[in-house]
């Protein structure tokens, strides 16, 4: 279970580290890197983050059902024993 979570976030962390290393290389060592590459890497990270959130939301919805207060009261009234 823990290993699965690590693998899910592994690429996200890798992309973040890639951006940090690229920025440091550009600022300190003067390497000429086009800013479009940073936008591309940021876009890939956003796609990965969005897909992970989408999968987690689907897992949540399949596990739990969210109902309104009115629906809850209707179900609860059916479950309560009749009062004498």
N, C-alpha and C. Protein backbone atom coordinates (compact mmCIF):
# COMPACT_ATOMS: atom_id res chain seq x y z
N UNK A 1 0.83 -1.20 0.00
CA UNK A 1 0.00 0.00 0.00
C UNK A 1 0.87 1.26 0.00
N UNK A 2 1.87 1.30 0.86
CA UNK A 2 2.76 2.46 0.94
C UNK A 2 3.56 2.60 -0.35
N UNK A 3 4.01 1.48 -0.87
CA UNK A 3 4.80 1.51 -2.10
C UNK A 3 3.96 2.03 -3.27
N UNK A 4 2.67 1.67 -3.30
CA UNK A 4 1.78 2.15 -4.37
C UNK A 4 1.64 3.67 -4.30
N UNK A 5 1.52 4.21 -3.08
CA UNK A 5 1.41 5.66 -2.92
C UNK A 5 2.70 6.36 -3.35
N UNK A 6 3.83 5.75 -3.02
CA UNK A 6 5.11 6.33 -3.41
C UNK A 6 5.22 6.35 -4.93
N UNK A 7 4.83 5.27 -5.59
CA UNK A 7 4.91 5.22 -7.05
C UNK A 7 3.98 6.22 -7.71
N UNK A 8 2.83 6.50 -7.08
CA UNK A 8 1.90 7.46 -7.65
C UNK A 8 2.50 8.86 -7.66
N UNK A 9 3.22 9.21 -6.64
CA UNK A 9 3.76 10.56 -6.52
C UNK A 9 5.21 10.67 -7.00
N UNK A 10 5.78 9.55 -7.36
CA UNK A 10 7.18 9.54 -7.77
C UNK A 10 7.42 10.44 -8.98
N UNK A 11 6.59 10.35 -9.99
CA UNK A 11 6.78 11.16 -11.19
C UNK A 11 6.53 12.63 -10.90
N UNK A 12 5.59 12.93 -10.04
CA UNK A 12 5.29 14.31 -9.68
C UNK A 12 6.50 14.95 -8.99
N UNK A 13 7.11 14.22 -8.08
CA UNK A 13 8.30 14.71 -7.39
C UNK A 13 9.47 14.83 -8.38
N UNK A 14 9.60 13.87 -9.27
CA UNK A 14 10.67 13.91 -10.27
C UNK A 14 10.55 15.15 -11.15
N UNK A 15 9.36 15.48 -11.57
CA UNK A 15 9.15 16.66 -12.42
C UNK A 15 9.46 17.93 -11.64
N UNK A 16 9.07 17.98 -10.37
CA UNK A 16 9.42 19.14 -9.55
C UNK A 16 10.92 19.30 -9.40
N UNK A 17 11.60 18.19 -9.18
CA UNK A 17 13.07 18.25 -9.06
C UNK A 17 13.71 18.68 -10.38
N UNK A 18 13.14 18.22 -11.49
CA UNK A 18 13.65 18.61 -12.80
C UNK A 18 13.53 20.12 -12.99
N UNK A 19 12.43 20.70 -12.55
CA UNK A 19 12.26 22.15 -12.67
C UNK A 19 13.24 22.89 -11.77
N UNK A 20 13.46 22.39 -10.57
CA UNK A 20 14.40 23.04 -9.65
C UNK A 20 15.82 22.99 -10.21
N UNK A 21 16.22 21.83 -10.68
CA UNK A 21 17.57 21.69 -11.23
C UNK A 21 17.73 22.58 -12.47
N UNK A 22 16.72 22.62 -13.31
CA UNK A 22 16.78 23.47 -14.50
C UNK A 22 16.90 24.95 -14.14
N UNK A 23 16.14 25.37 -13.14
CA UNK A 23 16.21 26.77 -12.70
C UNK A 23 17.57 27.11 -12.11
N UNK A 24 18.10 26.22 -11.28
CA UNK A 24 19.41 26.45 -10.68
C UNK A 24 20.49 26.49 -11.78
N UNK A 25 20.39 25.59 -12.73
CA UNK A 25 21.37 25.57 -13.83
C UNK A 25 21.30 26.86 -14.63
N UNK A 26 20.10 27.36 -14.82
CA UNK A 26 19.94 28.60 -15.60
C UNK A 26 20.46 29.82 -14.83
N UNK A 27 20.16 29.88 -13.54
CA UNK A 27 20.54 31.04 -12.75
C UNK A 27 22.01 31.05 -12.35
N UNK A 28 22.52 29.95 -11.89
CA UNK A 28 23.88 29.93 -11.36
C UNK A 28 24.92 29.69 -12.46
N UNK A 29 24.66 28.71 -13.31
CA UNK A 29 25.65 28.32 -14.31
C UNK A 29 25.46 29.02 -15.65
N UNK A 30 24.39 29.79 -15.81
CA UNK A 30 24.19 30.56 -17.02
C UNK A 30 23.82 29.73 -18.24
N UNK A 31 23.31 28.53 -18.02
CA UNK A 31 22.90 27.68 -19.14
C UNK A 31 21.65 28.29 -19.77
N UNK A 32 21.64 28.35 -21.09
CA UNK A 32 20.51 28.96 -21.79
C UNK A 32 19.42 27.91 -22.02
N UNK A 33 18.36 28.01 -21.23
CA UNK A 33 17.21 27.11 -21.36
C UNK A 33 16.00 27.99 -21.67
N UNK A 34 15.31 27.64 -22.73
CA UNK A 34 14.13 28.41 -23.13
C UNK A 34 13.03 28.24 -22.07
N UNK A 35 12.34 29.33 -21.77
CA UNK A 35 11.30 29.27 -20.73
C UNK A 35 10.12 28.40 -21.14
N UNK A 36 9.97 28.16 -22.43
CA UNK A 36 8.88 27.28 -22.88
C UNK A 36 9.04 25.87 -22.32
N UNK A 37 10.28 25.44 -22.11
CA UNK A 37 10.49 24.12 -21.51
C UNK A 37 9.97 24.06 -20.08
N UNK A 38 10.15 25.15 -19.34
CA UNK A 38 9.63 25.17 -17.97
C UNK A 38 8.11 25.13 -17.96
N UNK A 39 7.49 25.84 -18.89
CA UNK A 39 6.03 25.79 -18.99
C UNK A 39 5.56 24.40 -19.38
N UNK A 40 6.29 23.74 -20.27
CA UNK A 40 5.94 22.38 -20.66
C UNK A 40 6.02 21.44 -19.47
N UNK A 41 7.10 21.54 -18.70
CA UNK A 41 7.27 20.68 -17.53
C UNK A 41 6.18 20.96 -16.50
N UNK A 42 5.86 22.24 -16.31
CA UNK A 42 4.79 22.59 -15.37
C UNK A 42 3.45 22.04 -15.85
N UNK A 43 3.20 22.07 -17.15
CA UNK A 43 1.97 21.51 -17.69
C UNK A 43 1.87 20.01 -17.48
N UNK A 44 2.98 19.31 -17.68
CA UNK A 44 3.00 17.86 -17.44
C UNK A 44 2.70 17.57 -15.96
N UNK A 45 3.29 18.37 -15.08
CA UNK A 45 3.04 18.18 -13.65
C UNK A 45 1.57 18.43 -13.31
N UNK A 46 0.97 19.43 -13.91
CA UNK A 46 -0.45 19.69 -13.66
C UNK A 46 -1.33 18.56 -14.18
N UNK A 47 -0.99 18.01 -15.32
CA UNK A 47 -1.75 16.88 -15.86
C UNK A 47 -1.64 15.67 -14.91
N UNK A 48 -0.44 15.40 -14.43
CA UNK A 48 -0.27 14.29 -13.49
C UNK A 48 -1.03 14.53 -12.20
N UNK A 49 -0.96 15.74 -11.67
CA UNK A 49 -1.67 16.06 -10.44
C UNK A 49 -3.18 15.94 -10.63
N UNK A 50 -3.68 16.45 -11.74
CA UNK A 50 -5.10 16.36 -12.00
C UNK A 50 -5.57 14.93 -12.17
N UNK A 51 -4.77 14.11 -12.83
CA UNK A 51 -5.17 12.71 -13.02
C UNK A 51 -5.15 11.95 -11.70
N UNK A 52 -4.18 12.25 -10.83
CA UNK A 52 -4.16 11.60 -9.51
C UNK A 52 -5.37 12.01 -8.70
N UNK A 53 -5.73 13.29 -8.73
CA UNK A 53 -6.91 13.74 -8.01
C UNK A 53 -8.18 13.13 -8.56
N UNK A 54 -8.27 12.98 -9.88
CA UNK A 54 -9.44 12.39 -10.52
C UNK A 54 -9.61 10.93 -10.08
N UNK A 55 -8.51 10.19 -10.06
CA UNK A 55 -8.57 8.79 -9.64
C UNK A 55 -8.99 8.69 -8.18
N UNK A 56 -8.43 9.53 -7.33
CA UNK A 56 -8.80 9.51 -5.91
C UNK A 56 -10.26 9.89 -5.70
N UNK A 57 -10.77 10.83 -6.48
CA UNK A 57 -12.18 11.23 -6.36
C UNK A 57 -13.09 10.08 -6.78
N UNK A 58 -12.72 9.36 -7.84
CA UNK A 58 -13.52 8.21 -8.27
C UNK A 58 -13.52 7.12 -7.21
N UNK A 59 -12.37 6.90 -6.56
CA UNK A 59 -12.29 5.90 -5.50
C UNK A 59 -13.18 6.32 -4.32
N UNK A 60 -13.18 7.60 -3.99
CA UNK A 60 -14.00 8.10 -2.89
C UNK A 60 -15.48 7.92 -3.21
N UNK A 61 -15.88 8.29 -4.44
CA UNK A 61 -17.29 8.19 -4.81
C UNK A 61 -17.76 6.74 -4.86
N UNK A 62 -16.88 5.81 -5.21
CA UNK A 62 -17.29 4.42 -5.24
C UNK A 62 -17.38 3.83 -3.84
N UNK A 63 -16.69 4.43 -2.88
CA UNK A 63 -16.69 3.91 -1.52
C UNK A 63 -17.79 4.54 -0.66
N UNK A 64 -18.07 5.82 -0.85
CA UNK A 64 -19.03 6.54 -0.03
C UNK A 64 -20.14 7.14 -0.90
N UNK A 65 -21.32 7.25 -0.33
CA UNK A 65 -22.41 7.93 -1.02
C UNK A 65 -22.78 9.16 -0.21
N UNK A 66 -22.78 10.29 -0.85
CA UNK A 66 -23.13 11.54 -0.18
C UNK A 66 -24.59 11.81 -0.46
N UNK A 67 -25.34 11.99 0.63
CA UNK A 67 -26.77 12.24 0.50
C UNK A 67 -27.12 13.57 1.17
N UNK A 68 -28.26 14.11 0.77
CA UNK A 68 -28.70 15.38 1.35
C UNK A 68 -29.35 15.12 2.71
N UNK A 69 -29.56 16.19 3.44
CA UNK A 69 -30.19 16.08 4.76
C UNK A 69 -31.60 15.50 4.63
N UNK A 70 -32.31 15.91 3.60
CA UNK A 70 -33.67 15.43 3.38
C UNK A 70 -33.68 13.91 3.15
N UNK A 71 -32.76 13.43 2.30
CA UNK A 71 -32.66 11.99 2.07
C UNK A 71 -32.29 11.25 3.35
N UNK A 72 -31.40 11.83 4.14
CA UNK A 72 -31.01 11.21 5.40
C UNK A 72 -32.20 11.10 6.34
N UNK A 73 -32.99 12.18 6.45
CA UNK A 73 -34.16 12.15 7.33
C UNK A 73 -35.17 11.10 6.88
N UNK A 74 -35.35 10.95 5.56
CA UNK A 74 -36.28 9.95 5.06
C UNK A 74 -35.82 8.53 5.40
N UNK A 75 -34.52 8.27 5.21
CA UNK A 75 -33.99 6.94 5.52
C UNK A 75 -34.03 6.70 7.02
N UNK A 76 -33.68 7.71 7.79
CA UNK A 76 -33.65 7.56 9.25
C UNK A 76 -35.05 7.32 9.80
N UNK A 77 -36.05 7.98 9.25
CA UNK A 77 -37.42 7.79 9.74
C UNK A 77 -37.90 6.37 9.46
N UNK A 78 -37.45 5.75 8.42
CA UNK A 78 -37.81 4.36 8.11
C UNK A 78 -37.11 3.40 9.07
N UNK A 79 -35.94 3.78 9.56
CA UNK A 79 -35.19 2.90 10.44
C UNK A 79 -35.58 3.03 11.90
N UNK A 80 -36.13 4.17 12.30
CA UNK A 80 -36.51 4.36 13.69
C UNK A 80 -37.68 3.47 14.06
N UNK A 81 -37.62 2.87 15.24
CA UNK A 81 -38.78 2.09 15.66
C UNK A 81 -39.96 3.02 15.94
N UNK A 82 -41.14 2.54 15.72
CA UNK A 82 -42.32 3.36 15.95
C UNK A 82 -42.46 3.65 17.44
N UNK A 83 -42.77 4.90 17.76
CA UNK A 83 -42.89 5.32 19.14
C UNK A 83 -44.30 5.05 19.62
N UNK A 84 -44.43 4.58 20.87
CA UNK A 84 -45.74 4.26 21.43
C UNK A 84 -46.30 5.42 22.21
